[in-house]
Amino acid sequence: MIHPRDIHTLTEFKRNSTELLRKLETSGRTQVLTVDGRPKAVLISVEVFEHLAEQVEKAETLEGIKRGIADMEAGRTMSLAEAEAELKKRFARRRKKGSKSA
């Protein structure tokens, strides 16, 4: 939850950026920047950003696993030999396109 003391105008941030960045580092609390009284940007610590990025990556991985399981259950699979043949065709097409533009 954003606390009112963690909301600042963009002008205030421009004037006191060093102090507000120090506050962000020491408190670990998200800081909100406003323009014309409306929220326009959020400042988060590097640690919070890294945590959020890790959570997004985990969620994307889980979603990919779920899609893979659904594909298996629906019979949308191919053998290793079929997959290799398909990849070879795709790479061959890309090479042809690449050599034409060179």
PDB file of N, CA and C in Angstrom:
ATOM      1  N   MET A   1       0.844  -1.189   0.000  1.00  0.00           N
ATOM      2  CA  MET A   1       0.000   0.000   0.000  1.00  0.00           C
ATOM      3  C   MET A   1       0.886   1.249   0.000  1.00  0.00           C
ATOM      4  N   ILE A   2       0.486   2.208  -0.765  1.00  0.00           N
ATOM      5  CA  ILE A   2       1.235   3.456  -0.868  1.00  0.00           C
ATOM      6  C   ILE A   2       0.805   4.381   0.266  1.00  0.00           C
ATOM      7  N   HIS A   3       1.767   4.866   1.006  1.00  0.00           N
ATOM      8  CA  HIS A   3       1.496   5.808   2.089  1.00  0.00           C
ATOM      9  C   HIS A   3       1.569   7.227   1.521  1.00  0.00           C
ATOM     10  N   PRO A   4       0.698   8.125   1.981  1.00  0.00           N
ATOM     11  CA  PRO A   4       0.713   9.498   1.451  1.00  0.00           C
ATOM     12  C   PRO A   4       2.080  10.177   1.528  1.00  0.00           C
ATOM     13  N   ARG A   5       2.891   9.842   2.533  1.00  0.00           N
ATOM     14  CA  ARG A   5       4.210  10.490   2.633  1.00  0.00           C
ATOM     15  C   ARG A   5       5.182   9.991   1.558  1.00  0.00           C
ATOM     16  N   ASP A   6       4.777   8.951   0.822  1.00  0.00           N
ATOM     17  CA  ASP A   6       5.611   8.413  -0.253  1.00  0.00           C
ATOM     18  C   ASP A   6       5.155   8.894  -1.629  1.00  0.00           C
ATOM     19  N   ILE A   7       4.311   9.909  -1.642  1.00  0.00           N
ATOM     20  CA  ILE A   7       3.822  10.499  -2.894  1.00  0.00           C
ATOM     21  C   ILE A   7       4.444  11.885  -3.030  1.00  0.00           C
ATOM     22  N   HIS A   8       5.047  12.139  -4.181  1.00  0.00           N
ATOM     23  CA  HIS A   8       5.768  13.395  -4.398  1.00  0.00           C
ATOM     24  C   HIS A   8       5.455  13.929  -5.788  1.00  0.00           C
ATOM     25  N   THR A   9       5.494  15.239  -5.904  1.00  0.00           N
ATOM     26  CA  THR A   9       5.331  15.828  -7.231  1.00  0.00           C
ATOM     27  C   THR A   9       6.635  15.633  -8.012  1.00  0.00           C
ATOM     28  N   LEU A  10       6.508  15.656  -9.316  1.00  0.00           N
ATOM     29  CA  LEU A  10       7.697  15.549 -10.158  1.00  0.00           C
ATOM     30  C   LEU A  10       8.637  16.721  -9.880  1.00  0.00           C
ATOM     31  N   THR A  11       8.070  17.898  -9.652  1.00  0.00           N
ATOM     32  CA  THR A  11       8.877  19.080  -9.334  1.00  0.00           C
ATOM     33  C   THR A  11       9.670  18.854  -8.057  1.00  0.00           C
ATOM     34  N   GLU A  12       9.010  18.298  -7.032  1.00  0.00           N
ATOM     35  CA  GLU A  12       9.697  17.998  -5.776  1.00  0.00           C
ATOM     36  C   GLU A  12      10.833  17.002  -6.016  1.00  0.00           C
ATOM     37  N   PHE A  13      10.574  16.004  -6.851  1.00  0.00           N
ATOM     38  CA  PHE A  13      11.616  15.019  -7.145  1.00  0.00           C
ATOM     39  C   PHE A  13      12.799  15.676  -7.852  1.00  0.00           C
ATOM     40  N   LYS A  14      12.512  16.564  -8.798  1.00  0.00           N
ATOM     41  CA  LYS A  14      13.601  17.247  -9.508  1.00  0.00           C
ATOM     42  C   LYS A  14      14.464  18.058  -8.536  1.00  0.00           C
ATOM     43  N   ARG A  15      13.808  18.705  -7.573  1.00  0.00           N
ATOM     44  CA  ARG A  15      14.535  19.539  -6.613  1.00  0.00           C
ATOM     45  C   ARG A  15      15.298  18.711  -5.579  1.00  0.00           C
ATOM     46  N   ASN A  16      14.723  17.584  -5.181  1.00  0.00           N
ATOM     47  CA  ASN A  16      15.276  16.798  -4.069  1.00  0.00           C
ATOM     48  C   ASN A  16      15.537  15.351  -4.456  1.00  0.00           C
ATOM     49  N   SER A  17      15.991  15.120  -5.671  1.00  0.00           N
ATOM     50  CA  SER A  17      16.127  13.739  -6.142  1.00  0.00           C
ATOM     51  C   SER A  17      17.076  12.915  -5.276  1.00  0.00           C
ATOM     52  N   THR A  18      18.192  13.487  -4.876  1.00  0.00           N
ATOM     53  CA  THR A  18      19.149  12.735  -4.060  1.00  0.00           C
ATOM     54  C   THR A  18      18.509  12.301  -2.748  1.00  0.00           C
ATOM     55  N   GLU A  19      17.818  13.218  -2.104  1.00  0.00           N
ATOM     56  CA  GLU A  19      17.157  12.909  -0.825  1.00  0.00           C
ATOM     57  C   GLU A  19      16.063  11.857  -1.006  1.00  0.00           C
ATOM     58  N   LEU A  20      15.264  11.992  -2.048  1.00  0.00           N
ATOM     59  CA  LEU A  20      14.176  11.036  -2.268  1.00  0.00           C
ATOM     60  C   LEU A  20      14.711   9.661  -2.661  1.00  0.00           C
ATOM     61  N   LEU A  21      15.797   9.611  -3.414  1.00  0.00           N
ATOM     62  CA  LEU A  21      16.403   8.320  -3.742  1.00  0.00           C
ATOM     63  C   LEU A  21      16.994   7.664  -2.495  1.00  0.00           C
ATOM     64  N   ARG A  22      17.563   8.466  -1.611  1.00  0.00           N
ATOM     65  CA  ARG A  22      18.080   7.934  -0.350  1.00  0.00           C
ATOM     66  C   ARG A  22      16.928   7.376   0.487  1.00  0.00           C
ATOM     67  N   LYS A  23      15.814   8.100   0.503  1.00  0.00           N
ATOM     68  CA  LYS A  23      14.628   7.640   1.233  1.00  0.00           C
ATOM     69  C   LYS A  23      14.149   6.298   0.669  1.00  0.00           C
ATOM     70  N   LEU A  24      14.157   6.180  -0.646  1.00  0.00           N
ATOM     71  CA  LEU A  24      13.757   4.934  -1.298  1.00  0.00           C
ATOM     72  C   LEU A  24      14.676   3.796  -0.865  1.00  0.00           C
ATOM     73  N   GLU A  25      15.975   4.055  -0.863  1.00  0.00           N
ATOM     74  CA  GLU A  25      16.942   3.023  -0.478  1.00  0.00           C
ATOM     75  C   GLU A  25      16.791   2.612   0.978  1.00  0.00           C
ATOM     76  N   THR A  26      16.663   3.583   1.863  1.00  0.00           N
ATOM     77  CA  THR A  26      16.636   3.257   3.292  1.00  0.00           C
ATOM     78  C   THR A  26      15.306   2.673   3.735  1.00  0.00           C
ATOM     79  N   SER A  27      14.213   3.175   3.197  1.00  0.00           N
ATOM     80  CA  SER A  27      12.892   2.695   3.633  1.00  0.00           C
ATOM     81  C   SER A  27      12.462   1.445   2.878  1.00  0.00           C
ATOM     82  N   GLY A  28      12.914   1.334   1.619  1.00  0.00           N
ATOM     83  CA  GLY A  28      12.473   0.221   0.785  1.00  0.00           C
ATOM     84  C   GLY A  28      11.055   0.391   0.280  1.00  0.00           C
ATOM     85  N   ARG A  29      10.435   1.521   0.618  1.00  0.00           N
ATOM     86  CA  ARG A  29       9.044   1.746   0.210  1.00  0.00           C
ATOM     87  C   ARG A  29       8.985   2.378  -1.177  1.00  0.00           C
ATOM     88  N   THR A  30       8.002   1.963  -1.932  1.00  0.00           N
ATOM     89  CA  THR A  30       7.756   2.509  -3.262  1.00  0.00           C
ATOM     90  C   THR A  30       7.426   3.990  -3.148  1.00  0.00           C
ATOM     91  N   GLN A  31       7.963   4.772  -4.070  1.00  0.00           N
ATOM     92  CA  GLN A  31       7.687   6.206  -4.115  1.00  0.00           C
ATOM     93  C   GLN A  31       6.902   6.499  -5.396  1.00  0.00           C
ATOM     94  N   VAL A  32       5.900   7.346  -5.280  1.00  0.00           N
ATOM     95  CA  VAL A  32       5.050   7.685  -6.421  1.00  0.00           C
ATOM     96  C   VAL A  32       5.302   9.137  -6.803  1.00  0.00           C
ATOM     97  N   LEU A  33       5.463   9.372  -8.101  1.00  0.00           N
ATOM     98  CA  LEU A  33       5.633  10.732  -8.605  1.00  0.00           C
ATOM     99  C   LEU A  33       4.361  11.153  -9.323  1.00  0.00           C
ATOM    100  N   THR A  34       3.939  12.387  -9.053  1.00  0.00           N
ATOM    101  CA  THR A  34       2.708  12.887  -9.661  1.00  0.00           C
ATOM    102  C   THR A  34       2.998  14.083 -10.563  1.00  0.00           C
ATOM    103  N   VAL A  35       2.119  14.253 -11.536  1.00  0.00           N
ATOM    104  CA  VAL A  35       2.119  15.428 -12.400  1.00  0.00           C
ATOM    105  C   VAL A  35       0.682  15.915 -12.430  1.00  0.00           C
ATOM    106  N   ASP A  36       0.485  17.178 -12.117  1.00  0.00           N
ATOM    107  CA  ASP A  36      -0.859  17.760 -12.047  1.00  0.00           C
ATOM    108  C   ASP A  36      -1.767  16.951 -11.121  1.00  0.00           C
ATOM    109  N   GLY A  37      -1.199  16.473 -10.019  1.00  0.00           N
ATOM    110  CA  GLY A  37      -1.986  15.759  -9.017  1.00  0.00           C
ATOM    111  C   GLY A  37      -2.313  14.313  -9.346  1.00  0.00           C
ATOM    112  N   ARG A  38      -1.830  13.830 -10.466  1.00  0.00           N
ATOM    113  CA  ARG A  38      -2.128  12.442 -10.867  1.00  0.00           C
ATOM    114  C   ARG A  38      -0.850  11.607 -10.878  1.00  0.00           C
ATOM    115  N   PRO A  39      -0.940  10.364 -10.442  1.00  0.00           N
ATOM    116  CA  PRO A  39       0.247   9.504 -10.461  1.00  0.00           C
ATOM    117  C   PRO A  39       0.747   9.305 -11.890  1.00  0.00           C
ATOM    118  N   LYS A  40       2.046   9.485 -12.090  1.00  0.00           N
ATOM    119  CA  LYS A  40       2.632   9.329 -13.426  1.00  0.00           C
ATOM    120  C   LYS A  40       3.780   8.337 -13.452  1.00  0.00           C
ATOM    121  N   ALA A  41       4.441   8.127 -12.318  1.00  0.00           N
ATOM    122  CA  ALA A  41       5.580   7.205 -12.294  1.00  0.00           C
ATOM    123  C   ALA A  41       5.728   6.620 -10.897  1.00  0.00           C
ATOM    124  N   VAL A  42       6.344   5.447 -10.863  1.00  0.00           N
ATOM    125  CA  VAL A  42       6.601   4.767  -9.600  1.00  0.00           C
ATOM    126  C   VAL A  42       8.088   4.464  -9.526  1.00  0.00           C
ATOM    127  N   LEU A  43       8.689   4.795  -8.413  1.00  0.00           N
ATOM    128  CA  LEU A  43      10.094   4.477  -8.178  1.00  0.00           C
ATOM    129  C   LEU A  43      10.154   3.300  -7.216  1.00  0.00           C
ATOM    130  N   ILE A  44      10.888   2.272  -7.614  1.00  0.00           N
ATOM    131  CA  ILE A  44      11.072   1.116  -6.749  1.00  0.00           C
ATOM    132  C   ILE A  44      12.564   0.834  -6.630  1.00  0.00           C
ATOM    133  N   SER A  45      12.938   0.162  -5.565  1.00  0.00           N
ATOM    134  CA  SER A  45      14.350  -0.173  -5.376  1.00  0.00           C
ATOM    135  C   SER A  45      14.762  -1.243  -6.378  1.00  0.00           C
ATOM    136  N   VAL A  46      16.054  -1.370  -6.569  1.00  0.00           N
ATOM    137  CA  VAL A  46      16.580  -2.400  -7.465  1.00  0.00           C
ATOM    138  C   VAL A  46      16.168  -3.778  -6.958  1.00  0.00           C
ATOM    139  N   GLU A  47      16.214  -3.968  -5.643  1.00  0.00           N
ATOM    140  CA  GLU A  47      15.840  -5.262  -5.065  1.00  0.00           C
ATOM    141  C   GLU A  47      14.390  -5.606  -5.374  1.00  0.00           C
ATOM    142  N   VAL A  48      13.504  -4.631  -5.235  1.00  0.00           N
ATOM    143  CA  VAL A  48      12.090  -4.867  -5.536  1.00  0.00           C
ATOM    144  C   VAL A  48      11.924  -5.171  -7.018  1.00  0.00           C
ATOM    145  N   PHE A  49      12.605  -4.416  -7.867  1.00  0.00           N
ATOM    146  CA  PHE A  49      12.522  -4.660  -9.306  1.00  0.00           C
ATOM    147  C   PHE A  49      12.983  -6.070  -9.641  1.00  0.00           C
ATOM    148  N   GLU A  50      14.128  -6.480  -9.086  1.00  0.00           N
ATOM    149  CA  GLU A  50      14.648  -7.824  -9.362  1.00  0.00           C
ATOM    150  C   GLU A  50      13.681  -8.899  -8.884  1.00  0.00           C
ATOM    151  N   HIS A  51      13.072  -8.675  -7.716  1.00  0.00           N
ATOM    152  CA  HIS A  51      12.090  -9.634  -7.200  1.00  0.00           C
ATOM    153  C   HIS A  51      10.892  -9.729  -8.145  1.00  0.00           C
ATOM    154  N   LEU A  52      10.391  -8.583  -8.586  1.00  0.00           N
ATOM    155  CA  LEU A  52       9.249  -8.575  -9.504  1.00  0.00           C
ATOM    156  C   LEU A  52       9.601  -9.250 -10.825  1.00  0.00           C
ATOM    157  N   ALA A  53      10.786  -8.966 -11.351  1.00  0.00           N
ATOM    158  CA  ALA A  53      11.211  -9.589 -12.611  1.00  0.00           C
ATOM    159  C   ALA A  53      11.303 -11.103 -12.453  1.00  0.00           C
ATOM    160  N   GLU A  54      11.793 -11.554 -11.310  1.00  0.00           N
ATOM    161  CA  GLU A  54      11.886 -12.994 -11.042  1.00  0.00           C
ATOM    162  C   GLU A  54      10.497 -13.625 -10.980  1.00  0.00           C
ATOM    163  N   GLN A  55       9.558 -12.931 -10.348  1.00  0.00           N
ATOM    164  CA  GLN A  55       8.197 -13.450 -10.250  1.00  0.00           C
ATOM    165  C   GLN A  55       7.537 -13.538 -11.629  1.00  0.00           C
ATOM    166  N   VAL A  56       7.772 -12.539 -12.469  1.00  0.00           N
ATOM    167  CA  VAL A  56       7.229 -12.562 -13.831  1.00  0.00           C
ATOM    168  C   VAL A  56       7.823 -13.733 -14.605  1.00  0.00           C
ATOM    169  N   GLU A  57       9.131 -13.929 -14.471  1.00  0.00           N
ATOM    170  CA  GLU A  57       9.789 -15.034 -15.172  1.00  0.00           C
ATOM    171  C   GLU A  57       9.220 -16.380 -14.722  1.00  0.00           C
ATOM    172  N   LYS A  58       9.005 -16.533 -13.423  1.00  0.00           N
ATOM    173  CA  LYS A  58       8.418 -17.780 -12.907  1.00  0.00           C
ATOM    174  C   LYS A  58       7.017 -17.987 -13.467  1.00  0.00           C
ATOM    175  N   ALA A  59       6.218 -16.917 -13.486  1.00  0.00           N
ATOM    176  CA  ALA A  59       4.850 -17.020 -13.999  1.00  0.00           C
ATOM    177  C   ALA A  59       4.854 -17.394 -15.480  1.00  0.00           C
ATOM    178  N   GLU A  60       5.760 -16.794 -16.258  1.00  0.00           N
ATOM    179  CA  GLU A  60       5.846 -17.115 -17.684  1.00  0.00           C
ATOM    180  C   GLU A  60       6.281 -18.563 -17.891  1.00  0.00           C
ATOM    181  N   THR A  61       7.206 -19.031 -17.068  1.00  0.00           N
ATOM    182  CA  THR A  61       7.657 -20.420 -17.160  1.00  0.00           C
ATOM    183  C   THR A  61       6.510 -21.369 -16.855  1.00  0.00           C
ATOM    184  N   LEU A  62       5.771 -21.088 -15.786  1.00  0.00           N
ATOM    185  CA  LEU A  62       4.626 -21.935 -15.431  1.00  0.00           C
ATOM    186  C   LEU A  62       3.578 -21.938 -16.533  1.00  0.00           C
ATOM    187  N   GLU A  63       3.343 -20.784 -17.142  1.00  0.00           N
ATOM    188  CA  GLU A  63       2.369 -20.703 -18.231  1.00  0.00           C
ATOM    189  C   GLU A  63       2.824 -21.560 -19.406  1.00  0.00           C
ATOM    190  N   GLY A  64       4.111 -21.523 -19.724  1.00  0.00           N
ATOM    191  CA  GLY A  64       4.644 -22.356 -20.800  1.00  0.00           C
ATOM    192  C   GLY A  64       4.493 -23.836 -20.498  1.00  0.00           C
ATOM    193  N   ILE A  65       4.734 -24.209 -19.253  1.00  0.00           N
ATOM    194  CA  ILE A  65       4.561 -25.609 -18.849  1.00  0.00           C
ATOM    195  C   ILE A  65       3.102 -26.020 -18.991  1.00  0.00           C
ATOM    196  N   LYS A  66       2.187 -25.152 -18.548  1.00  0.00           N
ATOM    197  CA  LYS A  66       0.750 -25.456 -18.670  1.00  0.00           C
ATOM    198  C   LYS A  66       0.350 -25.634 -20.131  1.00  0.00           C
ATOM    199  N   ARG A  67       0.870 -24.756 -21.018  1.00  0.00           N
ATOM    200  CA  ARG A  67       0.559 -24.891 -22.445  1.00  0.00           C
ATOM    201  C   ARG A  67       1.107 -26.203 -22.990  1.00  0.00           C
ATOM    202  N   GLY A  68       2.312 -26.561 -22.560  1.00  0.00           N
ATOM    203  CA  GLY A  68       2.908 -27.816 -23.012  1.00  0.00           C
ATOM    204  C   GLY A  68       2.104 -29.024 -22.572  1.00  0.00           C
ATOM    205  N   ILE A  69       1.650 -29.008 -21.333  1.00  0.00           N
ATOM    206  CA  ILE A  69       0.826 -30.112 -20.830  1.00  0.00           C
ATOM    207  C   ILE A  69      -0.483 -30.177 -21.603  1.00  0.00           C
ATOM    208  N   ALA A  70      -1.096 -29.012 -21.842  1.00  0.00           N
ATOM    209  CA  ALA A  70      -2.351 -28.977 -22.605  1.00  0.00           C
ATOM    210  C   ALA A  70      -2.128 -29.518 -24.017  1.00  0.00           C
ATOM    211  N   ASP A  71      -1.014 -29.151 -24.645  1.00  0.00           N
ATOM    212  CA  ASP A  71      -0.699 -29.671 -25.982  1.00  0.00           C
ATOM    213  C   ASP A  71      -0.541 -31.185 -25.949  1.00  0.00           C
ATOM    214  N   MET A  72       0.146 -31.694 -24.932  1.00  0.00           N
ATOM    215  CA  MET A  72       0.324 -33.146 -24.819  1.00  0.00           C
ATOM    216  C   MET A  72      -1.023 -33.840 -24.652  1.00  0.00           C
ATOM    217  N   GLU A  73      -1.863 -33.291 -23.780  1.00  0.00           N
ATOM    218  CA  GLU A  73      -3.168 -33.901 -23.530  1.00  0.00           C
ATOM    219  C   GLU A  73      -4.057 -33.857 -24.767  1.00  0.00           C
ATOM    220  N   ALA A  74      -3.876 -32.829 -25.604  1.00  0.00           N
ATOM    221  CA  ALA A  74      -4.679 -32.685 -26.821  1.00  0.00           C
ATOM    222  C   ALA A  74      -4.063 -33.433 -28.002  1.00  0.00           C
ATOM    223  N   GLY A  75      -2.928 -34.063 -27.775  1.00  0.00           N
ATOM    224  CA  GLY A  75      -2.295 -34.822 -28.851  1.00  0.00           C
ATOM    225  C   GLY A  75      -1.495 -33.980 -29.820  1.00  0.00           C
ATOM    226  N   ARG A  76      -1.215 -32.734 -29.458  1.00  0.00           N
ATOM    227  CA  ARG A  76      -0.433 -31.850 -30.333  1.00  0.00           C
ATOM    228  C   ARG A  76       1.056 -32.051 -30.020  1.00  0.00           C
ATOM    229  N   THR A  77       1.565 -33.191 -30.433  1.00  0.00           N
ATOM    230  CA  THR A  77       2.968 -33.520 -30.180  1.00  0.00           C
ATOM    231  C   THR A  77       3.603 -34.042 -31.455  1.00  0.00           C
ATOM    232  N   MET A  78       4.929 -34.146 -31.449  1.00  0.00           N
ATOM    233  CA  MET A  78       5.649 -34.765 -32.564  1.00  0.00           C
ATOM    234  C   MET A  78       6.863 -35.480 -31.993  1.00  0.00           C
ATOM    235  N   SER A  79       7.360 -36.403 -32.754  1.00  0.00           N
ATOM    236  CA  SER A  79       8.541 -37.148 -32.322  1.00  0.00           C
ATOM    237  C   SER A  79       9.770 -36.258 -32.428  1.00  0.00           C
ATOM    238  N   LEU A  80      10.853 -36.702 -31.817  1.00  0.00           N
ATOM    239  CA  LEU A  80      12.106 -35.964 -31.908  1.00  0.00           C
ATOM    240  C   LEU A  80      12.558 -35.841 -33.358  1.00  0.00           C
ATOM    241  N   ALA A  81      12.425 -36.906 -34.117  1.00  0.00           N
ATOM    242  CA  ALA A  81      12.825 -36.876 -35.531  1.00  0.00           C
ATOM    243  C   ALA A  81      11.991 -35.858 -36.304  1.00  0.00           C
ATOM    244  N   GLU A  82      10.685 -35.808 -36.034  1.00  0.00           N
ATOM    245  CA  GLU A  82       9.818 -34.826 -36.708  1.00  0.00           C
ATOM    246  C   GLU A  82      10.214 -33.405 -36.320  1.00  0.00           C
ATOM    247  N   ALA A  83      10.520 -33.196 -35.044  1.00  0.00           N
ATOM    248  CA  ALA A  83      10.917 -31.863 -34.581  1.00  0.00           C
ATOM    249  C   ALA A  83      12.224 -31.433 -35.235  1.00  0.00           C
ATOM    250  N   GLU A  84      13.189 -32.348 -35.315  1.00  0.00           N
ATOM    251  CA  GLU A  84      14.465 -32.030 -35.964  1.00  0.00           C
ATOM    252  C   GLU A  84      14.265 -31.671 -37.431  1.00  0.00           C
ATOM    253  N   ALA A  85      13.430 -32.427 -38.123  1.00  0.00           N
ATOM    254  CA  ALA A  85      13.164 -32.152 -39.543  1.00  0.00           C
ATOM    255  C   ALA A  85      12.506 -30.786 -39.705  1.00  0.00           C
ATOM    256  N   GLU A  86      11.563 -30.467 -38.837  1.00  0.00           N
ATOM    257  CA  GLU A  86      10.879 -29.171 -38.896  1.00  0.00           C
ATOM    258  C   GLU A  86      11.862 -28.031 -38.649  1.00  0.00           C
ATOM    259  N   LEU A  87      12.722 -28.183 -37.662  1.00  0.00           N
ATOM    260  CA  LEU A  87      13.711 -27.141 -37.374  1.00  0.00           C
ATOM    261  C   LEU A  87      14.679 -26.955 -38.534  1.00  0.00           C
ATOM    262  N   LYS A  88      15.105 -28.033 -39.140  1.00  0.00           N
ATOM    263  CA  LYS A  88      16.011 -27.934 -40.291  1.00  0.00           C
ATOM    264  C   LYS A  88      15.354 -27.162 -41.425  1.00  0.00           C
ATOM    265  N   LYS A  89      14.061 -27.441 -41.678  1.00  0.00           N
ATOM    266  CA  LYS A  89      13.345 -26.709 -42.739  1.00  0.00           C
ATOM    267  C   LYS A  89      13.284 -25.224 -42.408  1.00  0.00           C
ATOM    268  N   ARG A  90      12.969 -24.901 -41.162  1.00  0.00           N
ATOM    269  CA  ARG A  90      12.858 -23.490 -40.770  1.00  0.00           C
ATOM    270  C   ARG A  90      14.194 -22.768 -40.911  1.00  0.00           C
ATOM    271  N   PHE A  91      15.275 -23.405 -40.449  1.00  0.00           N
ATOM    272  CA  PHE A  91      16.593 -22.780 -40.563  1.00  0.00           C
ATOM    273  C   PHE A  91      17.011 -22.628 -42.014  1.00  0.00           C
ATOM    274  N   ALA A  92      16.681 -23.596 -42.845  1.00  0.00           N
ATOM    275  CA  ALA A  92      17.021 -23.510 -44.270  1.00  0.00           C
ATOM    276  C   ALA A  92      16.298 -22.331 -44.905  1.00  0.00           C
ATOM    277  N   ARG A  93      15.025 -22.126 -44.571  1.00  0.00           N
ATOM    278  CA  ARG A  93      14.267 -20.988 -45.112  1.00  0.00           C
ATOM    279  C   ARG A  93      14.880 -19.670 -44.657  1.00  0.00           C
ATOM    280  N   ARG A  94      15.285 -19.594 -43.397  1.00  0.00           N
ATOM    281  CA  ARG A  94      15.885 -18.358 -42.885  1.00  0.00           C
ATOM    282  C   ARG A  94      17.210 -18.064 -43.575  1.00  0.00           C
ATOM    283  N   ARG A  95      17.984 -19.095 -43.808  1.00  0.00           N
ATOM    284  CA  ARG A  95      19.267 -18.900 -44.495  1.00  0.00           C
ATOM    285  C   ARG A  95      19.040 -18.370 -45.903  1.00  0.00           C
ATOM    286  N   LYS A  96      18.028 -18.923 -46.593  1.00  0.00           N
ATOM    287  CA  LYS A  96      17.731 -18.462 -47.954  1.00  0.00           C
ATOM    288  C   LYS A  96      17.308 -17.002 -47.934  1.00  0.00           C
ATOM    289  N   LYS A  97      16.458 -16.629 -46.979  1.00  0.00           N
ATOM    290  CA  LYS A  97      16.023 -15.233 -46.875  1.00  0.00           C
ATOM    291  C   LYS A  97      17.205 -14.329 -46.565  1.00  0.00           C
ATOM    292  N   GLY A  98      18.082 -14.775 -45.676  1.00  0.00           N
ATOM    293  CA  GLY A  98      19.258 -13.989 -45.298  1.00  0.00           C
ATOM    294  C   GLY A  98      20.228 -13.801 -46.437  1.00  0.00           C
ATOM    295  N   SER A  99      20.411 -14.814 -47.257  1.00  0.00           N
ATOM    296  CA  SER A  99      21.365 -14.707 -48.371  1.00  0.00           C
ATOM    297  C   SER A  99      20.802 -13.852 -49.495  1.00  0.00           C
ATOM    298  N   LYS A 100      19.483 -13.789 -49.636  1.00  0.00           N
ATOM    299  CA  LYS A 100      18.878 -12.944 -50.674  1.00  0.00           C
ATOM    300  C   LYS A 100      19.043 -11.472 -50.342  1.00  0.00           C
ATOM    301  N   SER A 101      18.985 -11.124 -49.056  1.00  0.00           N
ATOM    302  CA  SER A 101      19.077  -9.714 -48.678  1.00  0.00           C
ATOM    303  C   SER A 101      20.516  -9.240 -48.585  1.00  0.00           C
ATOM    304  N   ALA A 102      21.465 -10.151 -48.637  1.00  0.00           N
ATOM    305  CA  ALA A 102      22.886  -9.776 -48.504  1.00  0.00           C
ATOM    306  C   ALA A 102      23.445  -9.223 -49.789  1.00  0.00           C
TER     307      ALA A 102
END
